[in-house]
Amino acid sequence: MHYLFLAVAIIAEVAATSALAKTAGFTKPLPTLLCLGFYALAFSCLAQVVKFMPIGIAYAIWCGAGIVLIAGIAWRVYDQRLDIPAIIGISFILVGTVIINAFSSSVSH
């Protein structure tokens, strides 16, 4: 069940960060409300996850997945292209997240 909460936390964080780009410094009400609402959902779900998983591991997975997804969305939606060093760096983050999930004894499966 904690992986479901973690997935919702990741999706909500990605939605919030995507909306953040549209808030114009929190001056546009609808994107600001969406942004804050999704962040609230993300942190609420993450708080449930850390009941079952060490916070360092949960946060690493949450951040790693969020970074990879936001980079992809920024590329597709906002046409923010990544250069080779950025792609390599984000690939390391993705590989690290997979290693944590697949091999760490700190993660309860």
C-alpha atoms as a PDB file:
ATOM      1  CA  MET A   1       0.000   0.000   0.000  1.00  0.00           C
ATOM      2  CA  HIS A   2       2.881   2.389   0.714  1.00  0.00           C
ATOM      3  CA  TYR A   3       4.001   2.112  -2.920  1.00  0.00           C
ATOM      4  CA  LEU A   4       0.568   3.340  -4.000  1.00  0.00           C
ATOM      5  CA  PHE A   5       0.959   6.354  -1.700  1.00  0.00           C
ATOM      6  CA  LEU A   6       4.460   6.898  -3.086  1.00  0.00           C
ATOM      7  CA  ALA A   7       3.178   6.785  -6.670  1.00  0.00           C
ATOM      8  CA  VAL A   8       0.420   9.294  -5.859  1.00  0.00           C
ATOM      9  CA  ALA A   9       2.972  11.504  -4.083  1.00  0.00           C
ATOM     10  CA  ILE A  10       5.228  11.450  -7.147  1.00  0.00           C
ATOM     11  CA  ILE A  11       2.385  12.183  -9.579  1.00  0.00           C
ATOM     12  CA  ALA A  12       1.043  14.982  -7.371  1.00  0.00           C
ATOM     13  CA  GLU A  13       4.507  16.538  -7.047  1.00  0.00           C
ATOM     14  CA  VAL A  14       5.014  16.414 -10.806  1.00  0.00           C
ATOM     15  CA  ALA A  15       1.581  18.006 -11.344  1.00  0.00           C
ATOM     16  CA  ALA A  16       2.380  20.713  -8.765  1.00  0.00           C
ATOM     17  CA  THR A  17       5.750  21.507 -10.283  1.00  0.00           C
ATOM     18  CA  SER A  18       4.226  21.594 -13.752  1.00  0.00           C
ATOM     19  CA  ALA A  19       1.574  24.036 -12.504  1.00  0.00           C
ATOM     20  CA  LEU A  20       4.293  26.103 -10.808  1.00  0.00           C
ATOM     21  CA  ALA A  21       5.544  27.167 -14.227  1.00  0.00           C
ATOM     22  CA  LYS A  22       2.114  28.672 -14.943  1.00  0.00           C
ATOM     23  CA  THR A  23       1.633  30.574 -11.649  1.00  0.00           C
ATOM     24  CA  ALA A  24       3.682  33.613 -12.767  1.00  0.00           C
ATOM     25  CA  GLY A  25       5.195  33.946  -9.317  1.00  0.00           C
ATOM     26  CA  PHE A  26       1.914  32.973  -7.617  1.00  0.00           C
ATOM     27  CA  THR A  27       0.070  35.887  -9.224  1.00  0.00           C
ATOM     28  CA  LYS A  28      -2.365  33.754 -11.234  1.00  0.00           C
ATOM     29  CA  PRO A  29      -5.027  32.315  -8.897  1.00  0.00           C
ATOM     30  CA  LEU A  30      -6.033  29.073 -10.649  1.00  0.00           C
ATOM     31  CA  PRO A  31      -2.536  27.740 -11.379  1.00  0.00           C
ATOM     32  CA  THR A  32      -1.487  28.823  -7.867  1.00  0.00           C
ATOM     33  CA  LEU A  33      -4.371  26.900  -6.253  1.00  0.00           C
ATOM     34  CA  LEU A  34      -3.622  23.848  -8.388  1.00  0.00           C
ATOM     35  CA  CYS A  35       0.061  24.053  -7.527  1.00  0.00           C
ATOM     36  CA  LEU A  36      -0.514  24.372  -3.787  1.00  0.00           C
ATOM     37  CA  GLY A  37      -3.227  21.714  -3.776  1.00  0.00           C
ATOM     38  CA  PHE A  38      -1.050  19.191  -5.575  1.00  0.00           C
ATOM     39  CA  TYR A  39       1.896  19.947  -3.268  1.00  0.00           C
ATOM     40  CA  ALA A  40      -0.378  19.407  -0.256  1.00  0.00           C
ATOM     41  CA  LEU A  41      -1.484  16.066  -1.697  1.00  0.00           C
ATOM     42  CA  ALA A  42       2.110  15.100  -2.481  1.00  0.00           C
ATOM     43  CA  PHE A  43       3.350  15.823   1.032  1.00  0.00           C
ATOM     44  CA  SER A  44       0.315  14.162   2.624  1.00  0.00           C
ATOM     45  CA  CYS A  45       0.985  10.976   0.692  1.00  0.00           C
ATOM     46  CA  LEU A  46       4.725  11.164   1.371  1.00  0.00           C
ATOM     47  CA  ALA A  47       3.945  11.459   5.085  1.00  0.00           C
ATOM     48  CA  GLN A  48       2.085   8.133   4.840  1.00  0.00           C
ATOM     49  CA  VAL A  49       4.995   6.509   3.012  1.00  0.00           C
ATOM     50  CA  VAL A  50       7.545   7.390   5.698  1.00  0.00           C
ATOM     51  CA  LYS A  51       5.529   5.394   8.217  1.00  0.00           C
ATOM     52  CA  PHE A  52       6.754   2.260   6.394  1.00  0.00           C
ATOM     53  CA  MET A  53       9.947   3.321   4.640  1.00  0.00           C
ATOM     54  CA  PRO A  54      12.995   5.262   5.845  1.00  0.00           C
ATOM     55  CA  ILE A  55      12.579   8.933   4.998  1.00  0.00           C
ATOM     56  CA  GLY A  56      15.917   9.104   3.182  1.00  0.00           C
ATOM     57  CA  ILE A  57      14.949   6.267   0.874  1.00  0.00           C
ATOM     58  CA  ALA A  58      11.385   7.509   0.333  1.00  0.00           C
ATOM     59  CA  TYR A  59      12.631  11.019  -0.417  1.00  0.00           C
ATOM     60  CA  ALA A  60      15.323   9.738  -2.789  1.00  0.00           C
ATOM     61  CA  ILE A  61      12.747   7.761  -4.769  1.00  0.00           C
ATOM     62  CA  TRP A  62      10.251  10.656  -4.710  1.00  0.00           C
ATOM     63  CA  CYS A  63      12.833  13.194  -5.852  1.00  0.00           C
ATOM     64  CA  GLY A  64      14.503  10.928  -8.402  1.00  0.00           C
ATOM     65  CA  ALA A  65      11.271   9.975 -10.106  1.00  0.00           C
ATOM     66  CA  GLY A  66      10.046  13.565  -9.956  1.00  0.00           C
ATOM     67  CA  ILE A  67      13.230  14.933 -11.533  1.00  0.00           C
ATOM     68  CA  VAL A  68      13.098  12.460 -14.396  1.00  0.00           C
ATOM     69  CA  LEU A  69       9.390  13.048 -15.043  1.00  0.00           C
ATOM     70  CA  ILE A  70       9.629  16.857 -14.802  1.00  0.00           C
ATOM     71  CA  ALA A  71      12.599  16.883 -17.177  1.00  0.00           C
ATOM     72  CA  GLY A  72      10.541  14.875 -19.671  1.00  0.00           C
ATOM     73  CA  ILE A  73       7.518  17.138 -19.300  1.00  0.00           C
ATOM     74  CA  ALA A  74       9.660  20.271 -19.624  1.00  0.00           C
ATOM     75  CA  TRP A  75      11.118  18.841 -22.816  1.00  0.00           C
ATOM     76  CA  ARG A  76       7.757  17.870 -24.341  1.00  0.00           C
ATOM     77  CA  VAL A  77       5.455  20.627 -23.075  1.00  0.00           C
ATOM     78  CA  TYR A  78       7.759  23.635 -22.672  1.00  0.00           C
ATOM     79  CA  ASP A  79      10.288  22.722 -25.388  1.00  0.00           C
ATOM     80  CA  GLN A  80      13.127  22.952 -22.855  1.00  0.00           C
ATOM     81  CA  ARG A  81      15.766  20.797 -24.505  1.00  0.00           C
ATOM     82  CA  LEU A  82      18.406  18.992 -22.494  1.00  0.00           C
ATOM     83  CA  ASP A  83      22.034  18.800 -23.561  1.00  0.00           C
ATOM     84  CA  ILE A  84      24.135  15.646 -23.307  1.00  0.00           C
ATOM     85  CA  PRO A  85      25.541  16.388 -19.804  1.00  0.00           C
ATOM     86  CA  ALA A  86      21.993  17.003 -18.498  1.00  0.00           C
ATOM     87  CA  ILE A  87      20.740  13.755 -20.047  1.00  0.00           C
ATOM     88  CA  ILE A  88      23.669  11.834 -18.562  1.00  0.00           C
ATOM     89  CA  GLY A  89      23.103  13.372 -15.125  1.00  0.00           C
ATOM     90  CA  ILE A  90      19.377  12.632 -15.167  1.00  0.00           C
ATOM     91  CA  SER A  91      20.170   9.090 -16.325  1.00  0.00           C
ATOM     92  CA  PHE A  92      22.372   8.648 -13.246  1.00  0.00           C
ATOM     93  CA  ILE A  93      19.474   9.809 -11.070  1.00  0.00           C
ATOM     94  CA  LEU A  94      17.170   7.300 -12.756  1.00  0.00           C
ATOM     95  CA  VAL A  95      19.701   4.480 -12.388  1.00  0.00           C
ATOM     96  CA  GLY A  96      20.227   5.383  -8.713  1.00  0.00           C
ATOM     97  CA  THR A  97      16.488   5.282  -8.079  1.00  0.00           C
ATOM     98  CA  VAL A  98      16.233   1.860  -9.736  1.00  0.00           C
ATOM     99  CA  ILE A  99      19.198   0.543  -7.723  1.00  0.00           C
ATOM    100  CA  ILE A 100      17.612   1.721  -4.465  1.00  0.00           C
ATOM    101  CA  ASN A 101      14.312   0.041  -5.322  1.00  0.00           C
ATOM    102  CA  ALA A 102      15.776  -3.175  -6.642  1.00  0.00           C
ATOM    103  CA  PHE A 103      18.653  -3.850  -4.279  1.00  0.00           C
ATOM    104  CA  SER A 104      18.457  -1.837  -1.055  1.00  0.00           C
ATOM    105  CA  SER A 105      17.479  -3.727   2.063  1.00  0.00           C
ATOM    106  CA  SER A 106      16.251  -0.380   3.440  1.00  0.00           C
ATOM    107  CA  VAL A 107      13.221  -0.577   1.157  1.00  0.00           C
ATOM    108  CA  SER A 108      10.449  -2.830   2.403  1.00  0.00           C
ATOM    109  CA  HIS A 109       8.983  -4.786  -0.501  1.00  0.00           C
END
